[in-house]
Amino acid sequence: MSNPAQVFSPPNTLRMKVGGGFGGIDASAIAKAEAALQAMSAQFGQWLDDEIVKLDAAQAAIRTEGLTPENGEYLYCRAHDLKGLGTTYQYPLVTRLAGSLCKLLDDASKRMAAPMPLVDAHVDAIKAVVRDKIQTDEHPTGRVLAEALESRVAEHMA
């Protein structure tokens, strides 16, 4: 007795959901956005410096008051902002370092147990790479710094 197989193709609704049925992505809109970003790039240095001032203030508060839930949250938010903005501001190394710091501080219930020397090392590293204009981990110092901090965070998390 033979049982013939049936093959059926369900409709591809994903294409319609992402615009495939409506002409796809608007290349001119992307070009406009890139041009706008390029026009603002002259201000990136100042904006990054402003973020570093906030990060420095968070670190100073912790050194003065100790690590509290409030200033721990403030530090985490500053690191999270830098994680998102570093690459936009042409500092992907800042994104990587801030990402490592975020990983260390991400869980609010464990944040108070974060080793302060490791927190300080991250903050100081971010400030140093911006000060010395080390933008990527292609720079040997930047790579070694990022790898060392990430390794320490992994050890702490284990």
N, C-alpha and C. Protein backbone atom coordinates (compact mmCIF):
# COMPACT_ATOMS: atom_id res chain seq x y z
N MET A 1 0.84 -1.15 0.00
CA MET A 1 0.00 0.00 0.00
C MET A 1 0.90 1.23 0.00
N SER A 2 0.66 2.11 -0.90
CA SER A 2 1.49 3.30 -0.98
C SER A 2 0.75 4.48 -0.36
N ASN A 3 1.53 5.27 0.28
CA ASN A 3 0.98 6.45 0.94
C ASN A 3 1.64 7.66 0.30
N PRO A 4 1.00 8.29 -0.66
CA PRO A 4 1.66 9.40 -1.35
C PRO A 4 1.89 10.58 -0.39
N ALA A 5 3.05 11.16 -0.50
CA ALA A 5 3.41 12.31 0.33
C ALA A 5 2.77 13.57 -0.23
N GLN A 6 2.42 14.43 0.64
CA GLN A 6 1.89 15.72 0.23
C GLN A 6 2.89 16.80 0.62
N VAL A 7 3.14 17.70 -0.27
CA VAL A 7 4.03 18.83 0.00
C VAL A 7 3.20 20.10 -0.11
N PHE A 8 3.30 20.90 0.89
CA PHE A 8 2.58 22.17 0.82
C PHE A 8 3.52 23.27 1.29
N SER A 9 3.32 24.46 0.78
CA SER A 9 4.14 25.62 1.13
C SER A 9 3.26 26.65 1.82
N PRO A 10 3.51 26.91 3.09
CA PRO A 10 2.71 27.92 3.77
C PRO A 10 3.05 29.31 3.22
N PRO A 11 2.15 30.24 3.33
CA PRO A 11 2.43 31.59 2.82
C PRO A 11 3.54 32.25 3.64
N ASN A 12 4.34 33.07 2.96
CA ASN A 12 5.44 33.79 3.62
C ASN A 12 4.91 35.15 4.06
N THR A 13 4.39 35.21 5.27
CA THR A 13 3.82 36.47 5.77
C THR A 13 4.91 37.40 6.32
N LEU A 14 6.09 36.87 6.58
CA LEU A 14 7.17 37.70 7.10
C LEU A 14 7.54 38.79 6.09
N ARG A 15 7.57 38.44 4.81
CA ARG A 15 7.93 39.41 3.78
C ARG A 15 6.99 40.62 3.83
N MET A 16 5.71 40.36 4.03
CA MET A 16 4.75 41.47 4.10
C MET A 16 4.95 42.29 5.38
N LYS A 17 5.30 41.63 6.47
CA LYS A 17 5.46 42.32 7.74
C LYS A 17 6.67 43.24 7.75
N VAL A 18 7.72 42.89 7.02
CA VAL A 18 8.92 43.73 7.00
C VAL A 18 8.98 44.63 5.78
N GLY A 19 7.90 44.68 5.02
CA GLY A 19 7.86 45.62 3.91
C GLY A 19 8.17 45.00 2.57
N GLY A 20 8.33 43.70 2.49
CA GLY A 20 8.64 43.07 1.22
C GLY A 20 7.57 43.27 0.18
N GLY A 21 6.33 43.37 0.60
CA GLY A 21 5.24 43.60 -0.34
C GLY A 21 5.04 45.06 -0.66
N PHE A 22 5.78 45.93 0.00
CA PHE A 22 5.60 47.37 -0.19
C PHE A 22 6.86 48.05 -0.70
N GLY A 23 7.70 47.33 -1.37
CA GLY A 23 8.89 47.94 -1.95
C GLY A 23 10.13 47.82 -1.09
N GLY A 24 10.07 47.23 0.07
CA GLY A 24 11.26 47.02 0.90
C GLY A 24 11.72 48.26 1.62
N ILE A 25 13.00 48.29 1.90
CA ILE A 25 13.61 49.38 2.67
C ILE A 25 13.84 50.57 1.75
N ASP A 26 13.53 51.74 2.26
CA ASP A 26 13.69 52.98 1.50
C ASP A 26 15.14 53.44 1.60
N ALA A 27 15.89 53.24 0.52
CA ALA A 27 17.31 53.59 0.51
C ALA A 27 17.53 55.08 0.70
N SER A 28 16.62 55.90 0.22
CA SER A 28 16.80 57.35 0.37
C SER A 28 16.64 57.77 1.84
N ALA A 29 15.76 57.08 2.58
CA ALA A 29 15.61 57.39 4.00
C ALA A 29 16.88 57.02 4.76
N ILE A 30 17.49 55.91 4.40
CA ILE A 30 18.75 55.51 5.04
C ILE A 30 19.84 56.51 4.72
N ALA A 31 19.90 56.94 3.48
CA ALA A 31 20.91 57.94 3.07
C ALA A 31 20.72 59.24 3.83
N LYS A 32 19.48 59.67 4.03
CA LYS A 32 19.21 60.90 4.78
C LYS A 32 19.64 60.76 6.23
N ALA A 33 19.36 59.61 6.82
CA ALA A 33 19.75 59.37 8.21
C ALA A 33 21.27 59.37 8.35
N GLU A 34 21.95 58.73 7.42
CA GLU A 34 23.42 58.71 7.47
C GLU A 34 23.99 60.10 7.29
N ALA A 35 23.39 60.90 6.41
CA ALA A 35 23.86 62.28 6.21
C ALA A 35 23.65 63.11 7.47
N ALA A 36 22.52 62.93 8.13
CA ALA A 36 22.25 63.66 9.36
C ALA A 36 23.25 63.27 10.45
N LEU A 37 23.54 61.99 10.54
CA LEU A 37 24.51 61.51 11.52
C LEU A 37 25.90 62.09 11.22
N GLN A 38 26.26 62.11 9.96
CA GLN A 38 27.56 62.68 9.56
C GLN A 38 27.64 64.17 9.91
N ALA A 39 26.54 64.88 9.71
CA ALA A 39 26.52 66.31 10.02
C ALA A 39 26.71 66.57 11.52
N MET A 40 26.25 65.64 12.35
CA MET A 40 26.38 65.80 13.79
C MET A 40 27.72 65.29 14.32
N SER A 41 28.49 64.62 13.50
CA SER A 41 29.70 63.96 13.98
C SER A 41 30.73 64.92 14.57
N ALA A 42 30.68 66.17 14.17
CA ALA A 42 31.62 67.15 14.74
C ALA A 42 31.37 67.34 16.23
N GLN A 43 30.17 67.04 16.69
CA GLN A 43 29.83 67.23 18.10
C GLN A 43 30.05 65.98 18.93
N PHE A 44 30.40 64.86 18.30
CA PHE A 44 30.54 63.60 19.01
C PHE A 44 31.56 63.69 20.14
N GLY A 45 32.67 64.35 19.89
CA GLY A 45 33.71 64.46 20.91
C GLY A 45 33.20 65.14 22.17
N GLN A 46 32.47 66.24 22.00
CA GLN A 46 31.92 66.95 23.15
C GLN A 46 30.86 66.11 23.86
N TRP A 47 30.03 65.45 23.10
CA TRP A 47 28.99 64.62 23.71
C TRP A 47 29.61 63.47 24.49
N LEU A 48 30.66 62.88 23.94
CA LEU A 48 31.34 61.79 24.64
C LEU A 48 31.98 62.32 25.91
N ASP A 49 32.60 63.49 25.84
CA ASP A 49 33.19 64.09 27.04
C ASP A 49 32.12 64.33 28.11
N ASP A 50 30.93 64.76 27.69
CA ASP A 50 29.84 64.99 28.63
C ASP A 50 29.45 63.67 29.33
N GLU A 51 29.43 62.58 28.58
CA GLU A 51 29.11 61.28 29.16
C GLU A 51 30.21 60.83 30.14
N ILE A 52 31.46 61.14 29.80
CA ILE A 52 32.57 60.79 30.69
C ILE A 52 32.49 61.57 32.00
N VAL A 53 32.07 62.83 31.93
CA VAL A 53 31.89 63.63 33.15
C VAL A 53 30.84 62.98 34.05
N LYS A 54 29.75 62.50 33.47
CA LYS A 54 28.70 61.82 34.25
C LYS A 54 29.24 60.52 34.86
N LEU A 55 30.01 59.78 34.08
CA LEU A 55 30.60 58.54 34.57
C LEU A 55 31.55 58.82 35.72
N ASP A 56 32.35 59.86 35.58
CA ASP A 56 33.29 60.26 36.62
C ASP A 56 32.55 60.67 37.89
N ALA A 57 31.44 61.37 37.73
CA ALA A 57 30.64 61.78 38.89
C ALA A 57 30.06 60.56 39.61
N ALA A 58 29.65 59.57 38.86
CA ALA A 58 29.12 58.34 39.46
C ALA A 58 30.21 57.64 40.25
N GLN A 59 31.41 57.58 39.69
CA GLN A 59 32.52 56.95 40.38
C GLN A 59 32.89 57.74 41.65
N ALA A 60 32.89 59.06 41.55
CA ALA A 60 33.22 59.89 42.70
C ALA A 60 32.20 59.72 43.82
N ALA A 61 30.93 59.60 43.47
CA ALA A 61 29.88 59.40 44.49
C ALA A 61 30.10 58.08 45.22
N ILE A 62 30.47 57.07 44.49
CA ILE A 62 30.71 55.77 45.12
C ILE A 62 31.94 55.82 46.02
N ARG A 63 32.97 56.53 45.59
CA ARG A 63 34.17 56.64 46.43
C ARG A 63 33.88 57.42 47.70
N THR A 64 32.98 58.41 47.62
CA THR A 64 32.65 59.24 48.78
C THR A 64 31.67 58.56 49.72
N GLU A 65 30.59 58.00 49.14
CA GLU A 65 29.49 57.45 49.94
C GLU A 65 29.52 55.94 50.07
N GLY A 66 30.39 55.29 49.32
CA GLY A 66 30.35 53.84 49.24
C GLY A 66 29.31 53.43 48.21
N LEU A 67 29.31 52.17 47.88
CA LEU A 67 28.37 51.65 46.89
C LEU A 67 27.00 51.48 47.54
N THR A 68 26.05 52.29 47.11
CA THR A 68 24.67 52.19 47.59
C THR A 68 23.81 51.75 46.41
N PRO A 69 22.61 51.28 46.67
CA PRO A 69 21.74 50.92 45.54
C PRO A 69 21.50 52.09 44.58
N GLU A 70 21.39 53.29 45.11
CA GLU A 70 21.11 54.45 44.27
C GLU A 70 22.30 54.81 43.38
N ASN A 71 23.49 54.94 43.98
CA ASN A 71 24.62 55.34 43.13
C ASN A 71 25.12 54.16 42.30
N GLY A 72 24.83 52.93 42.73
CA GLY A 72 25.12 51.77 41.88
C GLY A 72 24.26 51.78 40.64
N GLU A 73 22.99 52.12 40.80
CA GLU A 73 22.07 52.24 39.66
C GLU A 73 22.51 53.37 38.73
N TYR A 74 22.92 54.49 39.32
CA TYR A 74 23.37 55.63 38.51
C TYR A 74 24.60 55.23 37.69
N LEU A 75 25.54 54.55 38.31
CA LEU A 75 26.73 54.10 37.59
C LEU A 75 26.34 53.13 36.47
N TYR A 76 25.46 52.20 36.78
CA TYR A 76 25.01 51.25 35.76
C TYR A 76 24.38 51.99 34.57
N CYS A 77 23.55 52.98 34.85
CA CYS A 77 22.91 53.74 33.77
C CYS A 77 23.95 54.49 32.93
N ARG A 78 24.96 55.04 33.58
CA ARG A 78 26.01 55.74 32.81
C ARG A 78 26.76 54.75 31.92
N ALA A 79 27.07 53.58 32.46
CA ALA A 79 27.76 52.56 31.67
C ALA A 79 26.88 52.09 30.52
N HIS A 80 25.61 51.92 30.80
CA HIS A 80 24.68 51.46 29.76
C HIS A 80 24.56 52.50 28.64
N ASP A 81 24.51 53.78 29.01
CA ASP A 81 24.48 54.83 27.99
C ASP A 81 25.73 54.79 27.12
N LEU A 82 26.89 54.64 27.76
CA LEU A 82 28.14 54.59 27.00
C LEU A 82 28.22 53.34 26.13
N LYS A 83 27.67 52.25 26.61
CA LYS A 83 27.63 51.03 25.81
C LYS A 83 26.86 51.28 24.51
N GLY A 84 25.78 52.02 24.61
CA GLY A 84 24.98 52.32 23.42
C GLY A 84 25.55 53.42 22.55
N LEU A 85 26.25 54.37 23.15
CA LEU A 85 26.71 55.54 22.40
C LEU A 85 28.15 55.45 21.89
N GLY A 86 28.96 54.60 22.50
CA GLY A 86 30.38 54.56 22.15
C GLY A 86 30.64 54.39 20.67
N THR A 87 30.02 53.42 20.06
CA THR A 87 30.25 53.18 18.63
C THR A 87 29.70 54.32 17.80
N THR A 88 28.56 54.85 18.17
CA THR A 88 28.00 56.00 17.45
C THR A 88 28.96 57.16 17.49
N TYR A 89 29.61 57.35 18.62
CA TYR A 89 30.56 58.45 18.79
C TYR A 89 31.95 58.09 18.28
N GLN A 90 32.03 57.01 17.53
CA GLN A 90 33.27 56.56 16.87
C GLN A 90 34.29 55.99 17.86
N TYR A 91 33.79 55.42 18.95
CA TYR A 91 34.64 54.77 19.94
C TYR A 91 34.08 53.38 20.26
N PRO A 92 34.20 52.43 19.33
CA PRO A 92 33.69 51.09 19.62
C PRO A 92 34.37 50.45 20.83
N LEU A 93 35.59 50.86 21.15
CA LEU A 93 36.25 50.32 22.33
C LEU A 93 35.51 50.75 23.61
N VAL A 94 34.98 51.96 23.63
CA VAL A 94 34.19 52.41 24.77
C VAL A 94 32.94 51.54 24.89
N THR A 95 32.32 51.22 23.77
CA THR A 95 31.16 50.34 23.78
C THR A 95 31.53 49.00 24.40
N ARG A 96 32.67 48.45 24.02
CA ARG A 96 33.10 47.15 24.53
C ARG A 96 33.39 47.21 26.03
N LEU A 97 34.12 48.23 26.46
CA LEU A 97 34.46 48.36 27.88
C LEU A 97 33.22 48.62 28.73
N ALA A 98 32.35 49.49 28.26
CA ALA A 98 31.12 49.79 28.99
C ALA A 98 30.22 48.56 29.02
N GLY A 99 30.24 47.77 27.96
CA GLY A 99 29.47 46.53 27.94
C GLY A 99 29.96 45.56 29.00
N SER A 100 31.26 45.50 29.18
CA SER A 100 31.83 44.64 30.22
C SER A 100 31.41 45.13 31.60
N LEU A 101 31.44 46.44 31.80
CA LEU A 101 31.00 47.01 33.08
C LEU A 101 29.51 46.75 33.31
N CYS A 102 28.72 46.87 32.26
CA CYS A 102 27.29 46.57 32.38
C CYS A 102 27.07 45.12 32.78
N LYS A 103 27.83 44.23 32.21
CA LYS A 103 27.69 42.82 32.56
C LYS A 103 27.98 42.61 34.05
N LEU A 104 28.96 43.31 34.55
CA LEU A 104 29.32 43.21 35.97
C LEU A 104 28.21 43.75 36.87
N LEU A 105 27.53 44.81 36.42
CA LEU A 105 26.55 45.51 37.25
C LEU A 105 25.10 45.23 36.87
N ASP A 106 24.89 44.40 35.87
CA ASP A 106 23.57 44.22 35.27
C ASP A 106 22.51 43.75 36.26
N ASP A 107 22.83 42.79 37.08
CA ASP A 107 21.86 42.23 38.01
C ASP A 107 21.83 43.09 39.28
N ALA A 108 20.76 43.85 39.43
CA ALA A 108 20.66 44.77 40.57
C ALA A 108 20.77 44.05 41.90
N SER A 109 20.33 42.81 41.96
CA SER A 109 20.39 42.07 43.22
C SER A 109 21.81 41.65 43.58
N LYS A 110 22.71 41.63 42.60
CA LYS A 110 24.10 41.24 42.85
C LYS A 110 25.07 42.42 42.72
N ARG A 111 24.54 43.56 42.35
CA ARG A 111 25.37 44.74 42.09
C ARG A 111 26.21 45.14 43.29
N MET A 112 25.65 45.02 44.49
CA MET A 112 26.36 45.45 45.69
C MET A 112 27.58 44.57 45.99
N ALA A 113 27.63 43.39 45.39
CA ALA A 113 28.76 42.49 45.60
C ALA A 113 29.85 42.67 44.54
N ALA A 114 29.64 43.60 43.64
CA ALA A 114 30.65 43.83 42.60
C ALA A 114 31.95 44.31 43.24
N PRO A 115 33.08 43.73 42.86
CA PRO A 115 34.36 44.17 43.44
C PRO A 115 34.71 45.59 42.97
N MET A 116 34.82 46.50 43.91
CA MET A 116 35.07 47.90 43.55
C MET A 116 36.37 48.11 42.77
N PRO A 117 37.44 47.38 43.05
CA PRO A 117 38.63 47.58 42.20
C PRO A 117 38.35 47.26 40.72
N LEU A 118 37.50 46.28 40.48
CA LEU A 118 37.15 45.93 39.10
C LEU A 118 36.24 46.99 38.49
N VAL A 119 35.31 47.50 39.27
CA VAL A 119 34.45 48.60 38.79
C VAL A 119 35.32 49.80 38.46
N ASP A 120 36.20 50.17 39.38
CA ASP A 120 37.09 51.32 39.15
C ASP A 120 37.98 51.10 37.93
N ALA A 121 38.46 49.89 37.75
CA ALA A 121 39.32 49.60 36.59
C ALA A 121 38.56 49.84 35.29
N HIS A 122 37.29 49.47 35.24
CA HIS A 122 36.49 49.72 34.04
C HIS A 122 36.30 51.21 33.79
N VAL A 123 35.91 51.93 34.85
CA VAL A 123 35.68 53.37 34.70
C VAL A 123 36.96 54.06 34.29
N ASP A 124 38.06 53.72 34.94
CA ASP A 124 39.35 54.35 34.61
C ASP A 124 39.78 54.00 33.19
N ALA A 125 39.51 52.78 32.76
CA ALA A 125 39.86 52.37 31.40
C ALA A 125 39.07 53.16 30.37
N ILE A 126 37.78 53.34 30.62
CA ILE A 126 36.95 54.11 29.69
C ILE A 126 37.46 55.54 29.60
N LYS A 127 37.75 56.13 30.75
CA LYS A 127 38.26 57.51 30.74
C LYS A 127 39.60 57.59 30.02
N ALA A 128 40.46 56.60 30.23
CA ALA A 128 41.79 56.61 29.61
C ALA A 128 41.72 56.46 28.10
N VAL A 129 40.87 55.56 27.60
CA VAL A 129 40.83 55.38 26.14
C VAL A 129 40.26 56.60 25.45
N VAL A 130 39.32 57.29 26.10
CA VAL A 130 38.80 58.52 25.51
C VAL A 130 39.88 59.61 25.56
N ARG A 131 40.52 59.73 26.71
CA ARG A 131 41.58 60.74 26.86
C ARG A 131 42.70 60.53 25.84
N ASP A 132 43.10 59.27 25.64
CA ASP A 132 44.21 58.97 24.75
C ASP A 132 43.78 58.68 23.31
N LYS A 133 42.46 58.85 23.06
CA LYS A 133 41.90 58.67 21.71
C LYS A 133 42.16 57.28 21.13
N ILE A 134 42.01 56.28 21.98
CA ILE A 134 42.13 54.89 21.54
C ILE A 134 40.71 54.43 21.22
N GLN A 135 40.37 54.45 19.96
CA GLN A 135 38.98 54.26 19.56
C GLN A 135 38.58 52.79 19.39
N THR A 136 39.49 51.93 19.00
CA THR A 136 39.11 50.55 18.70
C THR A 136 40.02 49.56 19.42
N ASP A 137 39.59 48.31 19.44
CA ASP A 137 40.43 47.27 20.04
C ASP A 137 41.47 46.77 19.05
N GLU A 138 41.59 47.42 17.89
CA GLU A 138 42.71 47.12 16.99
C GLU A 138 44.00 47.71 17.56
N HIS A 139 43.87 48.70 18.41
CA HIS A 139 45.03 49.26 19.11
C HIS A 139 45.46 48.21 20.13
N PRO A 140 46.74 47.87 20.16
CA PRO A 140 47.18 46.77 21.05
C PRO A 140 46.86 47.02 22.52
N THR A 141 47.01 48.22 22.99
CA THR A 141 46.69 48.51 24.39
C THR A 141 45.20 48.36 24.63
N GLY A 142 44.40 48.84 23.71
CA GLY A 142 42.95 48.73 23.84
C GLY A 142 42.49 47.29 23.88
N ARG A 143 43.07 46.46 23.03
CA ARG A 143 42.69 45.06 22.98
C ARG A 143 43.05 44.35 24.28
N VAL A 144 44.26 44.55 24.75
CA VAL A 144 44.72 43.90 25.99
C VAL A 144 43.86 44.36 27.17
N LEU A 145 43.58 45.63 27.23
CA LEU A 145 42.76 46.19 28.30
C LEU A 145 41.37 45.57 28.30
N ALA A 146 40.73 45.54 27.15
CA ALA A 146 39.38 44.99 27.04
C ALA A 146 39.37 43.50 27.41
N GLU A 147 40.32 42.75 26.89
CA GLU A 147 40.37 41.31 27.17
C GLU A 147 40.61 41.05 28.65
N ALA A 148 41.48 41.83 29.27
CA ALA A 148 41.77 41.63 30.70
C ALA A 148 40.54 41.93 31.55
N LEU A 149 39.85 43.02 31.25
CA LEU A 149 38.66 43.36 32.04
C LEU A 149 37.55 42.35 31.82
N GLU A 150 37.34 41.94 30.59
CA GLU A 150 36.31 40.94 30.31
C GLU A 150 36.62 39.61 31.01
N SER A 151 37.88 39.26 31.05
CA SER A 151 38.29 38.03 31.72
C SER A 151 37.99 38.11 33.23
N ARG A 152 38.30 39.24 33.82
CA ARG A 152 38.04 39.43 35.27
C ARG A 152 36.55 39.38 35.57
N VAL A 153 35.74 39.98 34.69
CA VAL A 153 34.29 39.95 34.90
C VAL A 153 33.80 38.50 34.80
N ALA A 154 34.30 37.76 33.81
CA ALA A 154 33.90 36.36 33.66
C ALA A 154 34.27 35.55 34.89
N GLU A 155 35.46 35.78 35.45
CA GLU A 155 35.88 35.09 36.67
C GLU A 155 34.95 35.42 37.83
N HIS A 156 34.61 36.70 37.94
CA HIS A 156 33.73 37.12 39.03
C HIS A 156 32.33 36.52 38.89
N MET A 157 31.84 36.44 37.67
CA MET A 157 30.50 35.93 37.41
C MET A 157 30.41 34.41 37.60
N ALA A 158 31.54 33.73 37.45
CA ALA A 158 31.53 32.25 37.53
C ALA A 158 31.32 31.74 38.95
